[in-house]
Every structure is written in structure tokens, then in C-alpha cells.
C-alpha atoms as a PDB file:
ATOM      1  CA  MET A   1      24.599 -30.243  40.958  1.00  0.00           C
ATOM      2  CA  GLN A   2      20.940 -29.535  41.609  1.00  0.00           C
ATOM      3  CA  LYS A   3      18.280 -32.063  40.577  1.00  0.00           C
ATOM      4  CA  PRO A   4      15.573 -30.691  38.278  1.00  0.00           C
ATOM      5  CA  ASN A   5      12.204 -30.210  39.911  1.00  0.00           C
ATOM      6  CA  ALA A   6       9.658 -32.658  38.471  1.00  0.00           C
ATOM      7  CA  ASN A   7       7.017 -29.915  38.526  1.00  0.00           C
ATOM      8  CA  GLU A   8       9.045 -27.503  36.392  1.00  0.00           C
ATOM      9  CA  PRO A   9       7.957 -27.365  32.762  1.00  0.00           C
ATOM     10  CA  LYS A  10      10.180 -29.113  30.258  1.00  0.00           C
ATOM     11  CA  PRO A  11      11.866 -26.917  27.662  1.00  0.00           C
ATOM     12  CA  ILE A  12      10.009 -26.413  24.398  1.00  0.00           C
ATOM     13  CA  ARG A  13      11.821 -27.573  21.329  1.00  0.00           C
ATOM     14  CA  LYS A  14      11.262 -24.467  19.225  1.00  0.00           C
ATOM     15  CA  LEU A  15      12.606 -26.026  16.076  1.00  0.00           C
ATOM     16  CA  PHE A  16       9.940 -28.727  16.344  1.00  0.00           C
ATOM     17  CA  TYR A  17       7.265 -26.039  15.964  1.00  0.00           C
ATOM     18  CA  ALA A  18       8.751 -24.731  12.701  1.00  0.00           C
ATOM     19  CA  TRP A  19       6.175 -26.903  10.930  1.00  0.00           C
ATOM     20  CA  ILE A  20       3.466 -24.393  11.893  1.00  0.00           C
ATOM     21  CA  PRO A  21       4.430 -21.543   9.522  1.00  0.00           C
ATOM     22  CA  VAL A  22       5.506 -24.077   6.871  1.00  0.00           C
ATOM     23  CA  LEU A  23       2.076 -25.753   6.983  1.00  0.00           C
ATOM     24  CA  ILE A  24       0.329 -22.362   6.856  1.00  0.00           C
ATOM     25  CA  VAL A  25       2.332 -21.311   3.791  1.00  0.00           C
ATOM     26  CA  ILE A  26       1.607 -24.648   2.059  1.00  0.00           C
ATOM     27  CA  LEU A  27      -2.127 -24.342   2.815  1.00  0.00           C
ATOM     28  CA  ASP A  28      -2.148 -20.710   1.690  1.00  0.00           C
ATOM     29  CA  ARG A  29      -0.257 -21.439  -1.549  1.00  0.00           C
ATOM     30  CA  ALA A  30      -2.460 -24.453  -2.347  1.00  0.00           C
ATOM     31  CA  THR A  31      -5.688 -22.472  -1.930  1.00  0.00           C
ATOM     32  CA  LYS A  32      -4.316 -19.507  -3.888  1.00  0.00           C
ATOM     33  CA  TYR A  33      -3.131 -21.848  -6.632  1.00  0.00           C
ATOM     34  CA  TRP A  34      -6.671 -23.206  -6.871  1.00  0.00           C
ATOM     35  CA  ALA A  35      -8.103 -19.679  -6.949  1.00  0.00           C
ATOM     36  CA  GLU A  36      -5.604 -18.552  -9.588  1.00  0.00           C
ATOM     37  CA  HIS A  37      -6.188 -21.558 -11.836  1.00  0.00           C
ATOM     38  CA  TRP A  38      -9.897 -22.085 -11.417  1.00  0.00           C
ATOM     39  CA  LEU A  39     -11.603 -19.000 -10.036  1.00  0.00           C
ATOM     40  CA  GLN A  40      -9.624 -16.610 -12.208  1.00  0.00           C
ATOM     41  CA  LYS A  41     -11.210 -18.267 -15.239  1.00  0.00           C
ATOM     42  CA  GLN A  42     -14.625 -17.353 -13.832  1.00  0.00           C
ATOM     43  CA  PRO A  43     -14.420 -13.521 -13.837  1.00  0.00           C
ATOM     44  CA  ASN A  44     -16.992 -11.739 -11.693  1.00  0.00           C
ATOM     45  CA  MET A  45     -18.500 -15.081 -10.689  1.00  0.00           C
ATOM     46  CA  LYS A  46     -19.364 -15.772  -7.060  1.00  0.00           C
ATOM     47  CA  ILE A  47     -19.349 -19.423  -6.112  1.00  0.00           C
ATOM     48  CA  PRO A  48     -21.537 -20.064  -3.062  1.00  0.00           C
ATOM     49  CA  VAL A  49     -19.807 -21.914  -0.232  1.00  0.00           C
ATOM     50  CA  ILE A  50     -22.333 -21.318   2.544  1.00  0.00           C
ATOM     51  CA  GLY A  51     -25.435 -20.085   0.776  1.00  0.00           C
ATOM     52  CA  ASP A  52     -25.050 -16.460  -0.217  1.00  0.00           C
ATOM     53  CA  TYR A  53     -23.208 -15.710   3.033  1.00  0.00           C
ATOM     54  CA  VAL A  54     -19.741 -17.006   2.131  1.00  0.00           C
ATOM     55  CA  THR A  55     -18.655 -17.141  -1.488  1.00  0.00           C
ATOM     56  CA  PHE A  56     -15.478 -17.651  -3.472  1.00  0.00           C
ATOM     57  CA  THR A  57     -14.606 -14.908  -5.916  1.00  0.00           C
ATOM     58  CA  TYR A  58     -11.248 -14.052  -7.462  1.00  0.00           C
ATOM     59  CA  LEU A  59      -9.553 -10.747  -6.640  1.00  0.00           C
ATOM     60  CA  GLU A  60      -6.024  -9.437  -7.128  1.00  0.00           C
ATOM     61  CA  ASN A  61      -5.223  -7.071  -4.263  1.00  0.00           C
ATOM     62  CA  ARG A  62      -2.338  -4.696  -4.984  1.00  0.00           C
ATOM     63  CA  GLY A  63      -2.699  -2.924  -1.660  1.00  0.00           C
ATOM     64  CA  ALA A  64      -3.294  -3.798   1.973  1.00  0.00           C
ATOM     65  CA  ALA A  65      -6.456  -4.816   3.803  1.00  0.00           C
ATOM     66  CA  TRP A  66      -9.587  -3.267   2.339  1.00  0.00           C
ATOM     67  CA  GLY A  67      -7.509  -2.371  -0.715  1.00  0.00           C
ATOM     68  CA  VAL A  68      -5.865   0.638   0.932  1.00  0.00           C
ATOM     69  CA  MET A  69      -2.579   1.920  -0.483  1.00  0.00           C
ATOM     70  CA  GLN A  70      -3.085   0.314  -3.904  1.00  0.00           C
ATOM     71  CA  GLY A  71       0.084  -0.082  -5.947  1.00  0.00           C
ATOM     72  CA  LYS A  72       2.469   0.163  -2.962  1.00  0.00           C
ATOM     73  CA  VAL A  73       3.716  -3.416  -3.407  1.00  0.00           C
ATOM     74  CA  ASN A  74       7.387  -2.601  -2.700  1.00  0.00           C
ATOM     75  CA  PHE A  75       6.434  -0.812   0.524  1.00  0.00           C
ATOM     76  CA  PHE A  76       4.461  -3.857   1.691  1.00  0.00           C
ATOM     77  CA  VAL A  77       7.266  -6.253   0.711  1.00  0.00           C
ATOM     78  CA  ILE A  78       9.742  -4.311   2.858  1.00  0.00           C
ATOM     79  CA  LEU A  79       7.292  -3.816   5.749  1.00  0.00           C
ATOM     80  CA  THR A  80       6.273  -7.475   5.797  1.00  0.00           C
ATOM     81  CA  ALA A  81       9.874  -8.701   5.567  1.00  0.00           C
ATOM     82  CA  VAL A  82      10.868  -6.465   8.496  1.00  0.00           C
ATOM     83  CA  LEU A  83       7.898  -7.683  10.570  1.00  0.00           C
ATOM     84  CA  ILE A  84       8.705 -11.323   9.812  1.00  0.00           C
ATOM     85  CA  VAL A  85      12.312 -10.788  10.955  1.00  0.00           C
ATOM     86  CA  LEU A  86      11.103  -9.051  14.138  1.00  0.00           C
ATOM     87  CA  PHE A  87       8.734 -11.910  14.942  1.00  0.00           C
ATOM     88  CA  LEU A  88      11.471 -14.466  14.226  1.00  0.00           C
ATOM     89  CA  LEU A  89      13.633 -12.616  16.759  1.00  0.00           C
ATOM     90  CA  LEU A  90      10.745 -12.785  19.241  1.00  0.00           C
ATOM     91  CA  VAL A  91      10.457 -16.532  18.612  1.00  0.00           C
ATOM     92  CA  ALA A  92      14.172 -16.881  19.352  1.00  0.00           C
ATOM     93  CA  ARG A  93      13.829 -14.822  22.543  1.00  0.00           C
ATOM     94  CA  THR A  94      10.666 -16.535  23.807  1.00  0.00           C
ATOM     95  CA  PRO A  95      11.469 -18.533  26.963  1.00  0.00           C
ATOM     96  CA  SER A  96      11.563 -22.278  26.398  1.00  0.00           C
ATOM     97  CA  ASP A  97       8.968 -23.555  28.792  1.00  0.00           C
ATOM     98  CA  ARG A  98       5.374 -24.673  28.393  1.00  0.00           C
ATOM     99  CA  ARG A  99       3.938 -21.489  29.856  1.00  0.00           C
ATOM    100  CA  TYR A 100       5.045 -19.611  26.729  1.00  0.00           C
ATOM    101  CA  LEU A 101       3.864 -22.220  24.218  1.00  0.00           C
ATOM    102  CA  PRO A 102       0.646 -20.299  23.322  1.00  0.00           C
ATOM    103  CA  LEU A 103       2.715 -17.173  22.663  1.00  0.00           C
ATOM    104  CA  LEU A 104       5.257 -19.101  20.585  1.00  0.00           C
ATOM    105  CA  ILE A 105       2.528 -20.724  18.462  1.00  0.00           C
ATOM    106  CA  THR A 106       0.842 -17.342  17.983  1.00  0.00           C
ATOM    107  CA  PHE A 107       4.109 -15.778  16.776  1.00  0.00           C
ATOM    108  CA  LEU A 108       4.631 -18.691  14.360  1.00  0.00           C
ATOM    109  CA  MET A 109       1.068 -18.435  13.002  1.00  0.00           C
ATOM    110  CA  LEU A 110       1.593 -14.741  12.367  1.00  0.00           C
ATOM    111  CA  ILE A 111       4.896 -15.453  10.591  1.00  0.00           C
ATOM    112  CA  GLY A 112       3.252 -18.115   8.402  1.00  0.00           C
ATOM    113  CA  GLY A 113       0.388 -15.845   7.376  1.00  0.00           C
ATOM    114  CA  ALA A 114       2.670 -12.884   6.731  1.00  0.00           C
ATOM    115  CA  PHE A 115       5.030 -15.011   4.653  1.00  0.00           C
ATOM    116  CA  GLY A 116       2.108 -16.336   2.566  1.00  0.00           C
ATOM    117  CA  ASN A 117       1.178 -12.823   1.457  1.00  0.00           C
ATOM    118  CA  LEU A 118       4.835 -11.766   1.135  1.00  0.00           C
ATOM    119  CA  TYR A 119       5.366 -14.595  -1.355  1.00  0.00           C
ATOM    120  CA  ASP A 120       2.483 -13.269  -3.478  1.00  0.00           C
ATOM    121  CA  ARG A 121       3.765  -9.706  -3.398  1.00  0.00           C
ATOM    122  CA  ILE A 122       7.285 -10.730  -4.413  1.00  0.00           C
ATOM    123  CA  PHE A 123       6.422 -13.195  -7.172  1.00  0.00           C
ATOM    124  CA  GLN A 124       3.066 -11.894  -8.465  1.00  0.00           C
ATOM    125  CA  LYS A 125       3.104  -8.198  -7.493  1.00  0.00           C
ATOM    126  CA  HIS A 126      -0.338  -8.684  -5.920  1.00  0.00           C
ATOM    127  CA  VAL A 127      -2.010 -10.798  -3.238  1.00  0.00           C
ATOM    128  CA  THR A 128      -4.590 -13.324  -4.403  1.00  0.00           C
ATOM    129  CA  ASP A 129      -7.815 -13.014  -2.392  1.00  0.00           C
ATOM    130  CA  PHE A 130     -10.846 -15.224  -2.903  1.00  0.00           C
ATOM    131  CA  ILE A 131     -12.951 -15.683   0.264  1.00  0.00           C
ATOM    132  CA  SER A 132     -15.856 -13.294   0.638  1.00  0.00           C
ATOM    133  CA  PHE A 133     -18.412 -12.684   3.412  1.00  0.00           C
ATOM    134  CA  ASP A 134     -21.121 -11.142   1.296  1.00  0.00           C
ATOM    135  CA  VAL A 135     -23.665 -10.651   4.076  1.00  0.00           C
ATOM    136  CA  ILE A 136     -21.637  -7.909   5.761  1.00  0.00           C
ATOM    137  CA  HIS A 137     -19.768  -6.741   2.654  1.00  0.00           C
ATOM    138  CA  PHE A 138     -16.463  -7.671   4.257  1.00  0.00           C
ATOM    139  CA  PRO A 139     -13.379  -7.301   2.037  1.00  0.00           C
ATOM    140  CA  VAL A 140     -12.303 -10.381   0.094  1.00  0.00           C
ATOM    141  CA  PHE A 141      -9.455 -12.205   1.853  1.00  0.00           C
ATOM    142  CA  ASN A 142      -7.363 -15.402   1.794  1.00  0.00           C
ATOM    143  CA  VAL A 143      -6.028 -18.122   4.099  1.00  0.00           C
ATOM    144  CA  ALA A 144      -2.891 -16.130   5.012  1.00  0.00           C
ATOM    145  CA  ASP A 145      -5.102 -13.204   6.034  1.00  0.00           C
ATOM    146  CA  ILE A 146      -7.061 -15.515   8.338  1.00  0.00           C
ATOM    147  CA  PHE A 147      -3.878 -16.582  10.134  1.00  0.00           C
ATOM    148  CA  VAL A 148      -2.546 -13.026  10.406  1.00  0.00           C
ATOM    149  CA  THR A 149      -5.864 -11.767  11.800  1.00  0.00           C
ATOM    150  CA  VAL A 150      -6.476 -14.668  14.198  1.00  0.00           C
ATOM    151  CA  SER A 151      -2.893 -14.636  15.468  1.00  0.00           C
ATOM    152  CA  PHE A 152      -3.007 -10.866  16.004  1.00  0.00           C
ATOM    153  CA  ILE A 153      -6.234 -11.216  18.029  1.00  0.00           C
ATOM    154  CA  LEU A 154      -4.728 -14.106  20.010  1.00  0.00           C
ATOM    155  CA  LEU A 155      -1.584 -12.063  20.608  1.00  0.00           C
ATOM    156  CA  MET A 156      -3.619  -9.180  22.044  1.00  0.00           C
ATOM    157  CA  ILE A 157      -5.573 -11.569  24.297  1.00  0.00           C
ATOM    158  CA  LEU A 158      -2.384 -13.279  25.508  1.00  0.00           C
ATOM    159  CA  LEU A 159      -0.614  -9.989  26.176  1.00  0.00           C
ATOM    160  CA  MET A 160      -3.592  -8.560  28.072  1.00  0.00           C
ATOM    161  CA  PHE A 161      -4.792 -11.575  30.034  1.00  0.00           C
ATOM    162  CA  ARG A 162      -2.228 -14.395  30.234  1.00  0.00           C
ATOM    163  CA  TYR A 163       1.180 -12.879  30.847  1.00  0.00           C
ATOM    164  CA  SER A 164       2.308 -10.272  33.335  1.00  0.00           C
ATOM    165  CA  GLU A 165       4.620  -7.460  32.303  1.00  0.00           C
ATOM    166  CA  LYS A 166       7.434  -9.210  34.163  1.00  0.00           C
ATOM    167  CA  GLU A 167       6.833 -12.445  32.213  1.00  0.00           C
ATOM    168  CA  LEU A 168       7.075 -10.445  28.977  1.00  0.00           C
ATOM    169  CA  SER A 169      10.352  -8.755  29.886  1.00  0.00           C
ATOM    170  CA  PHE A 170      12.080 -10.722  27.099  1.00  0.00           C
ATOM    171  CA  ILE A 171      10.177  -8.474  24.637  1.00  0.00           C
ATOM    172  CA  PRO A 172      12.013  -5.136  24.373  1.00  0.00           C
ATOM    173  CA  LEU A 173       8.702  -3.239  24.192  1.00  0.00           C
ATOM    174  CA  PHE A 174       7.892  -4.414  27.711  1.00  0.00           C
ATOM    175  CA  GLY A 175      11.006  -2.820  29.115  1.00  0.00           C
ATOM    176  CA  SER A 176      13.525  -5.507  29.875  1.00  0.00           C
ATOM    177  CA  ASP A 177      15.922  -2.558  29.904  1.00  0.00           C
ATOM    178  CA  LYS A 178      13.779  -0.495  32.300  1.00  0.00           C
ATOM    179  CA  LYS A 179      15.569   0.916  35.306  1.00  0.00           C
ATOM    180  CA  LYS A 180      14.369  -0.592  38.533  1.00  0.00           C
END
């Protein structure tokens, strides 16, 4: 029996990191609850958070980002559910060593954000948005959107600059089945 090398990374306990999407969903639901029970009573009102740059305003989004595809709630429920399952499979396939911890956390952040909006679409038939960057007329968004966007950007950075194609061979897209 071979002794483990002291320099080798210790396995990640993936289940330990399950708190990440759970915490994101709790934070998302809590902020949306506040928006639904306080901001909704203030129609068309913008509450300044950082001067006139960032405000809170209530919006029910029945589409995707920037309000595209309004009324396609069932499509987004199915799409989001499929994406969550795919990312859960990626979490399961992610190698269990410290080198992949940033990738694992990024996947889990994306799952948490996606699930936050999926919950809204299933139970409310719309996504509650309330954060607005008025200076650049950016679409109104929510906490789940922040995690989806940030995790997607992090994922692109990690895939381009941190991991080689060989290190990503556990992801089918990167050709673990490629002929050599």
C-alpha cells in the first residue's frame, strides 16, 4: 500500500459545500419577500439606496433578462430545471481536490441563483426584481440574478485562464471522449 503524498491536495467534501446554494436561495427569498411585502405597496416608487444611482423599485418580470420572451414562464421553468440538473451533474463529476474548489463553488453559486428564480417562476408565475441601476438604465434585477451573472463570469474566467483542456476532461464538452 502506497503512502499518500503530504503535498497532494486533500479531497474536497462536496456535501459540505451544499450550504452555498442553500444560503443563496435563503438570501434571495428573504430579499424578494421584503420586496413583495413592502416595495409592492409603493407602486412606481423608487427608493434611493445609493443616491439616485442605485434604487429599489418593484417589478414582476414574466420573461428573461431585459424582459425578453414575456409570458414564456413554462419555457423558462423547463430550461432552468434542465440547467440546474446539468450543473448538479457537473458538481458530481468535478474532481475532489483543492485545485477544483473555485470551479465547484462557481457551479454551486450558479445553481443557487438559478434555483432562486426557478422558485419564483413555479410558485408566482413571475420573477420578483427590485434592484435598479438608474444611471445606466440597466434592467431591474434581484439577488439570484447577481449570483447567476457573477458565477457565469467567474466560470468563463476559470475556463479560459485557470484550467487546461486536459484538466477539464471530466466535462463532456471538453472532450473526455475525444479520440487520442
